[in-house]
N, C-alpha and C. Protein backbone atom coordinates (compact mmCIF):
# COMPACT_ATOMS: atom_id res chain seq x y z
N MET A 1 52.99 45.23 37.29
CA MET A 1 52.06 45.90 36.45
C MET A 1 52.51 47.32 36.14
N ARG A 2 53.08 47.98 37.18
CA ARG A 2 53.57 49.35 36.99
C ARG A 2 54.66 49.40 35.96
N ASP A 3 55.58 48.42 36.01
CA ASP A 3 56.69 48.38 35.03
C ASP A 3 56.17 48.20 33.61
N PHE A 4 55.09 47.42 33.45
CA PHE A 4 54.49 47.27 32.14
C PHE A 4 54.09 48.60 31.54
N PHE A 5 53.41 49.41 32.36
CA PHE A 5 52.93 50.70 31.84
C PHE A 5 54.08 51.66 31.59
N ILE A 6 55.11 51.65 32.41
CA ILE A 6 56.26 52.51 32.17
C ILE A 6 56.96 52.10 30.91
N ASN A 7 57.20 50.79 30.71
CA ASN A 7 57.87 50.32 29.48
C ASN A 7 57.02 50.55 28.26
N ALA A 8 55.72 50.38 28.39
CA ALA A 8 54.84 50.67 27.25
C ALA A 8 54.85 52.15 26.89
N PHE A 9 54.87 53.00 27.92
CA PHE A 9 54.92 54.44 27.68
C PHE A 9 56.24 54.81 27.00
N GLU A 10 57.32 54.20 27.40
CA GLU A 10 58.62 54.50 26.78
C GLU A 10 58.60 54.11 25.31
N LYS A 11 58.00 52.97 24.97
CA LYS A 11 57.88 52.59 23.55
C LYS A 11 56.95 53.52 22.81
N LEU A 12 55.88 53.93 23.45
CA LEU A 12 54.93 54.86 22.83
C LEU A 12 55.58 56.22 22.56
N VAL A 13 56.45 56.68 23.47
CA VAL A 13 57.15 57.93 23.25
C VAL A 13 58.04 57.82 22.05
N GLY A 14 58.69 56.71 21.85
CA GLY A 14 59.55 56.50 20.64
C GLY A 14 58.71 56.56 19.38
N VAL A 15 57.56 55.96 19.39
CA VAL A 15 56.66 55.95 18.21
C VAL A 15 56.15 57.38 17.97
N ILE A 16 55.81 58.10 19.02
CA ILE A 16 55.31 59.46 18.88
C ILE A 16 56.37 60.38 18.28
N ILE A 17 57.60 60.22 18.74
CA ILE A 17 58.70 61.02 18.18
C ILE A 17 58.89 60.76 16.71
N VAL A 18 58.87 59.50 16.32
CA VAL A 18 59.02 59.17 14.90
C VAL A 18 57.88 59.77 14.08
N LEU A 19 56.65 59.64 14.58
CA LEU A 19 55.49 60.20 13.87
C LEU A 19 55.57 61.73 13.76
N LEU A 20 56.05 62.39 14.83
CA LEU A 20 56.21 63.83 14.77
C LEU A 20 57.23 64.23 13.73
N VAL A 21 58.34 63.53 13.65
CA VAL A 21 59.38 63.86 12.66
C VAL A 21 58.84 63.66 11.26
N VAL A 22 58.13 62.55 11.02
CA VAL A 22 57.55 62.31 9.72
C VAL A 22 56.54 63.38 9.34
N GLY A 23 55.73 63.81 10.33
CA GLY A 23 54.74 64.86 10.08
C GLY A 23 55.39 66.20 9.78
N VAL A 24 56.47 66.52 10.47
CA VAL A 24 57.17 67.78 10.22
C VAL A 24 57.79 67.77 8.79
N ILE A 25 58.39 66.67 8.42
CA ILE A 25 58.98 66.56 7.10
C ILE A 25 57.91 66.66 5.99
N ALA A 26 56.79 65.98 6.22
CA ALA A 26 55.70 66.03 5.24
C ALA A 26 55.12 67.42 5.14
N ALA A 27 54.94 68.09 6.28
CA ALA A 27 54.38 69.46 6.24
C ALA A 27 55.34 70.44 5.54
N ALA A 28 56.62 70.28 5.84
CA ALA A 28 57.62 71.15 5.21
C ALA A 28 57.65 70.90 3.68
N GLY A 29 57.57 69.64 3.27
CA GLY A 29 57.55 69.34 1.86
C GLY A 29 56.29 69.87 1.18
N PHE A 30 55.17 69.79 1.87
CA PHE A 30 53.89 70.29 1.29
C PHE A 30 53.98 71.81 1.14
N ILE A 31 54.49 72.50 2.16
CA ILE A 31 54.58 73.98 2.12
C ILE A 31 55.57 74.35 1.00
N ALA A 32 56.68 73.64 0.90
CA ALA A 32 57.72 74.01 -0.06
C ALA A 32 57.24 73.85 -1.51
N PHE A 33 56.42 72.83 -1.77
CA PHE A 33 56.09 72.51 -3.16
C PHE A 33 54.64 72.70 -3.51
N ALA A 34 53.83 73.26 -2.63
CA ALA A 34 52.42 73.53 -2.91
C ALA A 34 52.28 74.75 -3.80
N PRO A 35 51.22 74.81 -4.59
CA PRO A 35 51.04 76.02 -5.40
C PRO A 35 50.70 77.21 -4.51
N PRO A 36 51.20 78.39 -4.86
CA PRO A 36 51.00 79.53 -3.97
C PRO A 36 49.52 80.00 -3.99
N THR A 37 49.06 80.51 -2.84
CA THR A 37 47.76 81.10 -2.74
C THR A 37 47.92 82.47 -2.10
N PRO A 38 46.93 83.35 -2.25
CA PRO A 38 47.05 84.67 -1.63
C PRO A 38 47.07 84.60 -0.11
N GLU A 39 46.44 83.59 0.48
CA GLU A 39 46.35 83.49 1.94
C GLU A 39 47.62 82.90 2.56
N GLN A 40 48.30 82.02 1.83
CA GLN A 40 49.44 81.29 2.40
C GLN A 40 50.60 81.35 1.45
N PRO A 41 51.70 81.93 1.91
CA PRO A 41 52.92 81.87 1.06
C PRO A 41 53.50 80.49 1.04
N THR A 42 54.01 80.10 -0.09
CA THR A 42 54.70 78.81 -0.21
C THR A 42 56.03 79.03 -0.88
N GLY A 43 56.84 78.00 -0.85
CA GLY A 43 58.13 78.07 -1.44
C GLY A 43 59.18 77.45 -0.54
N ILE A 44 60.40 77.58 -0.96
CA ILE A 44 61.50 76.93 -0.23
C ILE A 44 61.69 77.57 1.16
N LEU A 45 61.69 78.90 1.25
CA LEU A 45 61.94 79.54 2.54
C LEU A 45 60.87 79.25 3.59
N PRO A 46 59.56 79.33 3.26
CA PRO A 46 58.55 78.96 4.27
C PRO A 46 58.65 77.45 4.61
N GLY A 47 58.95 76.61 3.61
CA GLY A 47 59.13 75.19 3.89
C GLY A 47 60.31 74.93 4.82
N LEU A 48 61.39 75.65 4.60
CA LEU A 48 62.55 75.52 5.48
C LEU A 48 62.23 76.04 6.88
N ALA A 49 61.48 77.10 6.97
CA ALA A 49 61.07 77.61 8.32
C ALA A 49 60.20 76.60 9.03
N VAL A 50 59.31 75.96 8.36
CA VAL A 50 58.45 74.92 8.98
C VAL A 50 59.33 73.73 9.39
N LEU A 51 60.27 73.35 8.58
CA LEU A 51 61.16 72.24 8.92
C LEU A 51 61.97 72.52 10.15
N ILE A 52 62.62 73.69 10.20
CA ILE A 52 63.47 74.01 11.34
C ILE A 52 62.62 74.20 12.59
N GLY A 53 61.53 74.95 12.51
CA GLY A 53 60.68 75.16 13.67
C GLY A 53 60.06 73.84 14.17
N GLY A 54 59.65 72.99 13.26
CA GLY A 54 59.06 71.71 13.64
C GLY A 54 60.07 70.80 14.28
N LEU A 55 61.28 70.76 13.76
CA LEU A 55 62.30 69.90 14.39
C LEU A 55 62.71 70.39 15.77
N VAL A 56 62.76 71.71 15.93
CA VAL A 56 63.04 72.25 17.27
C VAL A 56 61.93 71.87 18.25
N TYR A 57 60.69 71.94 17.78
CA TYR A 57 59.55 71.54 18.62
C TYR A 57 59.66 70.05 19.01
N VAL A 58 59.99 69.20 18.03
CA VAL A 58 60.11 67.75 18.30
C VAL A 58 61.21 67.49 19.34
N VAL A 59 62.32 68.22 19.24
CA VAL A 59 63.42 68.06 20.20
C VAL A 59 62.95 68.45 21.61
N PHE A 60 62.17 69.56 21.70
CA PHE A 60 61.71 69.99 23.01
C PHE A 60 60.71 68.99 23.61
N VAL A 61 59.77 68.56 22.78
CA VAL A 61 58.74 67.60 23.29
C VAL A 61 59.39 66.27 23.62
N GLY A 62 60.22 65.76 22.74
CA GLY A 62 60.89 64.48 23.01
C GLY A 62 61.81 64.57 24.21
N GLY A 63 62.50 65.68 24.37
CA GLY A 63 63.40 65.85 25.52
C GLY A 63 62.60 65.89 26.81
N ALA A 64 61.46 66.57 26.78
CA ALA A 64 60.63 66.63 28.01
C ALA A 64 60.10 65.25 28.40
N LEU A 65 59.62 64.51 27.40
CA LEU A 65 59.08 63.18 27.67
C LEU A 65 60.19 62.22 28.16
N TYR A 66 61.34 62.24 27.50
CA TYR A 66 62.44 61.37 27.97
C TYR A 66 63.00 61.83 29.29
N LEU A 67 62.95 63.12 29.59
CA LEU A 67 63.39 63.62 30.91
C LEU A 67 62.52 63.02 32.01
N GLY A 68 61.21 63.04 31.79
CA GLY A 68 60.31 62.45 32.77
C GLY A 68 60.58 60.98 32.97
N LEU A 69 60.81 60.25 31.89
CA LEU A 69 61.10 58.84 32.00
C LEU A 69 62.46 58.61 32.71
N GLY A 70 63.41 59.48 32.43
CA GLY A 70 64.75 59.34 33.08
C GLY A 70 64.65 59.62 34.55
N ILE A 71 63.85 60.58 34.96
CA ILE A 71 63.69 60.86 36.41
C ILE A 71 63.07 59.66 37.07
N TYR A 72 62.10 59.01 36.46
CA TYR A 72 61.49 57.82 37.05
C TYR A 72 62.57 56.69 37.18
N GLN A 73 63.32 56.47 36.11
CA GLN A 73 64.32 55.39 36.15
C GLN A 73 65.40 55.65 37.19
N ASN A 74 65.84 56.91 37.31
CA ASN A 74 66.87 57.24 38.32
C ASN A 74 66.31 57.07 39.74
N THR A 75 65.09 57.50 39.95
CA THR A 75 64.45 57.30 41.28
C THR A 75 64.33 55.84 41.64
N ARG A 76 63.93 55.05 40.67
CA ARG A 76 63.81 53.59 40.91
C ARG A 76 65.15 52.96 41.24
N ARG A 77 66.20 53.35 40.52
CA ARG A 77 67.53 52.79 40.77
C ARG A 77 68.02 53.22 42.17
N MET A 78 67.77 54.46 42.52
CA MET A 78 68.20 55.00 43.82
C MET A 78 67.47 54.24 44.96
N ALA A 79 66.18 53.96 44.76
CA ALA A 79 65.43 53.25 45.79
C ALA A 79 65.97 51.83 45.92
N GLU A 80 66.29 51.19 44.82
CA GLU A 80 66.84 49.82 44.86
C GLU A 80 68.19 49.84 45.57
N ALA A 81 69.05 50.81 45.29
CA ALA A 81 70.34 50.92 45.94
C ALA A 81 70.21 51.14 47.43
N MET A 82 69.24 51.98 47.83
CA MET A 82 69.00 52.19 49.24
C MET A 82 68.51 50.94 49.94
N ASP A 83 67.70 50.16 49.24
CA ASP A 83 67.18 48.89 49.84
C ASP A 83 68.30 47.90 50.01
N ARG A 84 69.29 47.87 49.10
CA ARG A 84 70.39 46.92 49.19
C ARG A 84 71.39 47.27 50.30
N ARG A 85 71.44 48.53 50.66
CA ARG A 85 72.39 48.99 51.68
C ARG A 85 72.03 48.44 53.06
N GLN A 86 73.04 47.97 53.72
CA GLN A 86 72.84 47.39 55.06
C GLN A 86 72.99 48.49 56.11
N PRO A 87 72.08 48.54 57.11
CA PRO A 87 72.24 49.59 58.16
C PRO A 87 73.37 49.31 59.11
């Protein structure tokens, strides 16, 4: 049962990363091509800033999530190796 939740979480992380990337690209496109307002500057430079900042954020969040999953997988493999070792 535990493996089911870990594997499901790993798949969910992949979906979340894809959705974050799509959201960042959509937001950057909206900022770049939206009509300007006095409250919010728009144009290519703000759109590029949103794109770069958003992608850096996605890399940090995705890296942290996959790091946690990697620590779990390494711990599991180490425990299995220790169990196979004969005293």
